[in-house]
Amino acid sequence: MTRFIAVERGTGRVYGDTAQFGSAGNVVSPADAVCLFDSQAGRAARGFGYVKPNSNSAHYDVYEIPRSAPDKAAASDAEAQALVREHGSLVTSLVTYNS
């Protein structure tokens, strides 16, 4: 399945990396990935809307990492951001509801 890394738009911090969940991280969409991160953090369920990458409303930018990239979960924000720069491609930006 696809690996996703979500970066908080306002802070630049990595919100999550689906690789950290092994087979449980096998999700099919960017919104599913952020829902997984929320669930693992004990956060209440939220709704998501897809917005253009340059939207000022976006809360998360979600990147897809190809299977050929390293599959070990990033241990730090810096590692994850380097992985995104080297291997990732922006697949969507999300706005959250009920947060």
Protein backbone atom coordinates (compact mmCIF):
# COMPACT_ATOMS: atom_id res chain seq x y z
CA MET A 1 0.00 0.00 0.00
CA THR A 2 0.92 3.64 -0.17
CA ARG A 3 2.97 5.30 2.55
CA PHE A 4 1.86 8.75 3.66
CA ILE A 5 3.52 11.44 5.76
CA ALA A 6 1.36 14.32 7.00
CA VAL A 7 2.91 17.68 7.86
CA GLU A 8 1.04 20.30 9.88
CA ARG A 9 0.77 23.37 7.69
CA GLY A 10 0.96 25.96 10.48
CA THR A 11 3.98 24.55 12.31
CA GLY A 12 5.81 22.45 9.73
CA ARG A 13 5.87 19.58 12.25
CA VAL A 14 5.32 16.05 11.07
CA TYR A 15 1.92 14.86 12.27
CA GLY A 16 2.49 11.25 11.31
CA ASP A 17 4.14 8.66 9.11
CA THR A 18 2.10 5.58 8.22
CA ALA A 19 5.31 3.49 8.20
CA GLN A 20 5.36 3.65 12.00
CA PHE A 21 2.27 1.40 12.16
CA GLY A 22 3.50 -1.54 10.05
CA SER A 23 0.66 -3.33 8.29
CA ALA A 24 -1.91 -1.25 10.23
CA GLY A 25 -0.56 1.74 8.30
CA ASN A 26 -1.75 0.30 4.99
CA VAL A 27 -4.35 2.96 4.22
CA VAL A 28 -5.72 3.98 0.85
CA SER A 29 -6.14 7.75 1.14
CA PRO A 30 -4.50 10.78 2.74
CA ALA A 31 -7.59 11.37 4.90
CA ASP A 32 -7.44 7.74 6.10
CA ALA A 33 -3.81 8.31 7.06
CA VAL A 34 -4.64 11.37 9.18
CA CYS A 35 -7.56 9.49 10.76
CA LEU A 36 -5.09 6.73 11.69
CA PHE A 37 -2.73 9.28 13.26
CA ASP A 38 -5.65 10.79 15.21
CA SER A 39 -6.82 7.38 16.40
CA GLN A 40 -3.35 6.34 17.56
CA ALA A 41 -2.98 9.62 19.45
CA GLY A 42 -6.36 9.13 21.17
CA ARG A 43 -7.85 12.14 19.40
CA ALA A 44 -11.57 12.34 18.63
CA ALA A 45 -12.66 11.55 15.08
CA ARG A 46 -12.67 14.52 12.70
CA GLY A 47 -13.89 15.18 9.21
CA PHE A 48 -11.60 16.26 6.40
CA GLY A 49 -11.97 18.22 3.22
CA TYR A 50 -9.56 18.31 0.33
CA VAL A 51 -8.27 21.76 -0.64
CA LYS A 52 -5.80 23.04 -3.21
CA PRO A 53 -2.14 22.89 -2.13
CA ASN A 54 -1.86 26.69 -2.06
CA SER A 55 -5.00 27.12 0.06
CA ASN A 56 -4.62 29.21 3.21
CA SER A 57 -7.30 27.01 4.79
CA ALA A 58 -5.20 23.83 4.76
CA HIS A 59 -4.28 22.24 8.09
CA TYR A 60 -2.14 19.39 6.68
CA ASP A 61 -0.07 18.74 3.60
CA VAL A 62 0.04 15.02 2.89
CA TYR A 63 2.91 13.47 0.95
CA GLU A 64 3.11 10.10 -0.73
CA ILE A 65 6.37 8.19 -0.39
CA PRO A 66 7.05 5.55 -3.08
CA ARG A 67 7.73 1.93 -2.14
CA SER A 68 11.30 2.27 -3.43
CA ALA A 69 12.13 4.78 -0.66
CA PRO A 70 13.33 3.60 2.76
CA ASP A 71 10.43 1.96 4.57
CA LYS A 72 11.67 2.50 8.12
CA ALA A 73 9.59 5.04 10.03
CA ALA A 74 11.30 8.38 10.53
CA ALA A 75 12.58 8.85 14.09
CA SER A 76 12.37 12.65 14.08
CA ASP A 77 10.71 15.56 12.31
CA ALA A 78 14.00 16.35 10.57
CA GLU A 79 14.30 12.79 9.23
CA ALA A 80 10.71 12.75 8.01
CA GLN A 81 11.03 16.15 6.35
CA ALA A 82 14.25 15.00 4.62
CA LEU A 83 12.42 11.90 3.39
CA VAL A 84 9.60 14.08 2.05
CA ARG A 85 12.08 16.38 0.26
CA GLU A 86 14.07 13.50 -1.24
CA HIS A 87 11.34 11.00 -2.11
CA GLY A 88 7.90 12.45 -1.46
CA SER A 89 5.34 14.09 -3.65
CA LEU A 90 2.51 16.26 -2.37
CA VAL A 91 -0.73 14.39 -3.00
CA THR A 92 -3.17 16.71 -1.28
CA SER A 93 -3.81 19.32 1.36
CA LEU A 94 -6.51 18.79 3.96
CA VAL A 95 -8.67 21.04 6.06
CA THR A 96 -10.08 19.54 9.26
CA TYR A 97 -13.56 19.86 10.74
CA ASN A 98 -14.68 19.23 14.33
CA SER A 99 -11.18 19.73 15.69
